[in-house]
Protein backbone atom coordinates (compact mmCIF):
# COMPACT_ATOMS: atom_id res chain seq x y z
CA MET A 1 -0.11 0.06 -0.12
CA LEU A 2 1.42 3.41 -0.99
CA THR A 3 0.33 6.84 0.11
CA ALA A 4 -0.78 9.00 -2.75
CA TYR A 5 -0.82 12.84 -2.43
CA ILE A 6 -3.48 14.17 -4.68
CA ALA A 7 -4.14 17.83 -5.79
CA MET A 8 -7.47 18.98 -6.07
CA GLY A 9 -8.82 22.00 -7.97
CA ALA A 10 -12.29 23.71 -9.20
CA ASN A 11 -13.12 27.25 -10.09
CA LEU A 12 -16.63 26.38 -11.89
CA SER A 13 -19.93 24.92 -10.33
CA SER A 14 -20.41 21.21 -10.91
CA PRO A 15 -23.79 19.40 -10.89
CA VAL A 16 -23.36 19.25 -7.05
CA GLY A 17 -22.70 22.92 -6.46
CA PRO A 18 -20.02 25.78 -6.24
CA PRO A 19 -16.50 24.57 -6.12
CA PRO A 20 -16.15 24.21 -2.14
CA GLU A 21 -18.91 21.81 -2.38
CA THR A 22 -17.54 19.89 -5.52
CA LEU A 23 -14.30 19.47 -3.69
CA ALA A 24 -15.92 18.31 -0.41
CA ALA A 25 -18.10 15.58 -2.58
CA ALA A 26 -15.05 14.59 -4.63
CA VAL A 27 -13.17 13.78 -1.28
CA SER A 28 -15.85 11.33 -0.43
CA ARG A 29 -15.54 9.69 -3.64
CA ILE A 30 -11.64 9.52 -3.54
CA ALA A 31 -12.22 7.96 -0.02
CA SER A 32 -13.83 5.00 -1.99
CA LEU A 33 -10.23 4.37 -3.46
CA GLY A 34 -8.68 3.62 -0.20
CA ARG A 35 -8.30 5.47 3.03
CA ILE A 36 -8.00 9.21 3.30
CA VAL A 37 -5.09 9.83 5.92
CA GLY A 38 -4.59 13.47 5.39
CA ARG A 39 -6.59 16.62 4.11
CA SER A 40 -5.32 20.23 3.78
CA SER A 41 -7.51 23.20 4.44
CA LEU A 42 -9.09 25.00 1.57
CA TYR A 43 -7.30 27.42 -0.33
CA SER A 44 -8.35 30.32 -2.51
CA THR A 45 -5.69 30.68 -5.39
CA GLU A 46 -5.11 32.88 -8.51
CA PRO A 47 -5.26 31.06 -11.88
CA MET A 48 -1.84 30.53 -13.74
CA GLY A 49 -1.52 30.86 -17.54
CA PHE A 50 -4.96 31.65 -18.65
CA THR A 51 -5.70 34.32 -16.01
CA GLU A 52 -9.03 35.61 -17.38
CA GLN A 53 -11.03 33.15 -15.17
CA PRO A 54 -12.51 32.92 -11.71
CA ARG A 55 -10.02 32.34 -8.73
CA PHE A 56 -9.61 28.44 -7.87
CA PHE A 57 -10.31 26.60 -4.75
CA ASN A 58 -7.51 24.17 -4.06
CA ALA A 59 -6.61 21.51 -1.54
CA VAL A 60 -4.48 18.22 -1.22
CA VAL A 61 -5.20 15.01 0.30
CA ALA A 62 -3.53 11.95 1.22
CA LEU A 63 -4.87 8.78 0.41
CA ASP A 64 -3.43 5.39 1.33
CA THR A 65 -4.52 2.92 -1.57
CA GLN A 66 -3.52 -0.32 -2.88
CA LEU A 67 -4.37 0.65 -6.66
CA SER A 68 -1.65 0.86 -9.17
CA PRO A 69 -0.72 4.24 -10.31
CA LEU A 70 -2.32 3.90 -13.56
CA SER A 71 -5.51 2.34 -11.99
CA LEU A 72 -5.47 5.38 -9.46
CA LEU A 73 -5.21 7.81 -12.31
CA GLN A 74 -8.03 6.40 -14.31
CA ALA A 75 -10.40 6.10 -11.14
CA LEU A 76 -9.70 9.87 -10.59
CA LEU A 77 -10.53 10.85 -14.24
CA ASP A 78 -13.54 8.95 -13.81
CA ILE A 79 -14.41 10.96 -10.68
CA GLU A 80 -13.74 13.98 -12.76
CA LEU A 81 -16.08 13.09 -15.46
CA GLU A 82 -18.81 12.48 -12.51
CA PHE A 83 -18.65 16.15 -11.76
CA GLY A 84 -18.81 17.65 -15.30
CA ARG A 85 -15.14 17.74 -16.29
CA ASP A 86 -14.10 15.89 -19.53
CA ARG A 87 -10.34 16.62 -20.19
CA SER A 88 -10.62 16.02 -23.98
CA ILE A 89 -12.46 19.35 -24.44
CA GLY A 90 -11.72 22.84 -22.81
CA ILE A 91 -8.46 24.85 -23.12
CA PRO A 92 -5.39 24.28 -21.21
CA ASN A 93 -5.14 25.83 -17.82
CA GLY A 94 -8.85 26.94 -18.45
CA PRO A 95 -11.64 26.81 -16.05
CA ARG A 96 -12.87 23.59 -14.81
CA THR A 97 -15.52 21.99 -12.68
CA LEU A 98 -12.98 19.56 -11.05
CA ASP A 99 -9.11 18.82 -11.40
CA LEU A 100 -7.64 15.83 -9.68
CA ASP A 101 -3.78 15.27 -10.14
CA ILE A 102 -1.63 12.63 -8.44
CA LEU A 103 1.48 14.69 -7.06
CA LEU A 104 3.43 12.01 -5.23
CA MET A 105 2.87 8.08 -4.71
CA GLY A 106 5.31 6.77 -1.94
CA ASP A 107 8.69 7.23 -3.37
CA LEU A 108 7.74 6.12 -6.79
CA GLN A 109 9.21 7.77 -9.90
CA LEU A 110 7.29 6.98 -13.22
CA CYS A 111 7.27 8.32 -16.52
CA ALA A 112 4.69 7.24 -18.81
CA SER A 113 2.66 8.73 -21.78
CA ASN A 114 -0.22 9.67 -19.70
CA LEU A 115 1.13 9.92 -16.26
CA GLU A 116 4.37 11.34 -14.62
CA ILE A 117 5.02 10.84 -10.87
CA PRO A 118 6.21 13.01 -9.14
CA HIS A 119 4.00 15.58 -10.96
CA PRO A 120 6.48 17.46 -13.09
CA ARG A 121 5.30 20.86 -12.18
CA LEU A 122 4.83 20.15 -8.48
CA ALA A 123 8.04 22.44 -7.40
CA GLU A 124 6.61 25.34 -9.75
CA ARG A 125 3.16 25.63 -8.23
CA ALA A 126 2.35 27.42 -4.90
CA PHE A 127 -1.27 26.41 -5.17
CA VAL A 128 -0.10 22.62 -4.92
CA LEU A 129 3.08 23.18 -2.55
CA VAL A 130 1.21 25.46 0.04
CA PRO A 131 -1.58 22.76 0.81
CA LEU A 132 0.75 20.06 0.42
CA HIS A 133 3.15 21.61 2.84
CA GLU A 134 0.27 21.77 5.38
CA ILE A 135 -0.13 18.00 5.65
CA ALA A 136 3.28 16.53 4.58
CA PRO A 137 6.10 19.11 4.72
CA LEU A 138 8.98 16.70 5.55
CA VAL A 139 7.79 14.18 2.68
CA VAL A 140 10.71 14.01 0.22
CA VAL A 141 10.10 14.52 -3.52
CA PRO A 142 12.20 11.89 -5.29
CA ARG A 143 13.04 13.86 -8.33
CA HIS A 144 14.10 17.08 -6.37
CA ARG A 145 15.57 14.75 -3.51
CA ALA A 146 14.23 17.66 -1.28
CA THR A 147 11.30 18.09 1.25
CA VAL A 148 8.24 19.58 0.38
CA ASP A 149 9.30 22.33 2.88
CA GLN A 150 12.54 22.82 1.12
CA LEU A 151 10.83 23.09 -2.27
CA LEU A 152 8.22 25.53 -0.92
CA LYS A 153 10.98 27.85 0.62
CA ARG A 154 12.86 27.79 -2.39
CA LEU A 155 9.59 28.92 -4.63
CA LEU A 156 8.85 31.60 -2.21
CA ARG A 157 12.66 33.07 -2.40
CA GLN A 158 12.42 32.85 -6.09
CA SER A 159 9.18 34.97 -6.40
CA GLN A 160 7.47 37.09 -3.75
CA ASP A 161 4.36 37.07 -6.02
CA HIS A 162 3.50 33.59 -4.91
CA ALA A 163 2.49 34.10 -1.08
CA PRO A 164 -0.44 36.54 -1.43
CA SER A 165 -1.88 34.24 -4.47
CA VAL A 166 -2.48 31.32 -2.20
CA VAL A 167 -4.67 32.23 0.79
CA ALA A 168 -6.48 29.72 3.34
CA ILE A 169 -9.99 30.17 3.59
CA HIS A 170 -12.72 28.71 5.94
CA ASP A 171 -15.76 27.18 4.28
CA ASP A 172 -18.27 25.42 6.75
CA LEU A 173 -19.11 22.44 4.39
CA TRP A 174 -15.29 21.47 3.84
CA ASP A 175 -14.54 22.13 7.53
CA ALA A 176 -17.37 19.92 8.68
CA ALA A 177 -16.68 17.34 6.26
CA ALA A 178 -12.82 17.22 7.37
CA ALA A 179 -14.03 16.96 11.03
CA ARG A 180 -16.36 14.07 10.31
CA ASN A 181 -13.61 12.22 8.34
CA ALA A 182 -10.95 12.84 10.97
CA ALA A 183 -13.35 11.45 13.74
CA SER A 184 -13.96 8.41 11.51
CA ALA A 185 -10.12 7.69 10.92
CA HIS A 186 -9.73 8.28 14.81
CA ASP A 187 -12.42 5.66 15.82
CA ALA A 188 -11.49 3.13 13.11
CA PRO A 189 -10.54 -0.30 14.60
CA GLY A 190 -6.69 -0.46 14.77
CA SER A 191 -6.27 3.02 13.72
CA ASP A 192 -3.64 5.21 15.56
CA THR A 193 -3.35 8.04 12.99
CA GLY A 194 -6.13 10.41 12.47
CA GLU A 195 -6.60 12.90 9.43
CA SER A 196 -4.52 15.79 9.61
CA HIS A 197 -6.59 19.00 9.31
CA PRO A 198 -4.71 21.90 11.03
CA HIS A 199 -5.97 25.53 10.54
CA GLY A 200 -3.47 28.24 11.44
């Protein structure tokens, strides 16, 4: 079993509601693929690339799973489709109802035509590194041979523009779902590790 760190993002309403509701519902679907063992706060982030679009809501979850990387990828793409996102259409870096990306999966390094682990742009994206840092600051990113904490500090040194672009927010639905999941993880038989969801 490996721990996969999955980035989540949305800036358009899906069939279940606005982005925070979509992300909260998507976490429940991701939980069916294994066991959620970490969950960041929710962040409001500036879009990158195509900037003429609404701000994104972003988060990262940690999932213990027995799925292979490619099986996990397919399952995440299926979840995206459930929430109204078809990757075969739409503009690159454009608005979307749901975006799910595998950032890390244990210490695995994989380079396939449709999947690269660690995520090739992980170290360049504050909207990924900030929530990842919240739940896994000391995890080592194999390609960079550096911890998430080191990568985030390096990115913030390179550009002061990143810091204000990623802002932690409180959303009642997201926070309530996180509290429920943390309680469930704590009460599970044989469980000694609850879900991480700190708020500063």
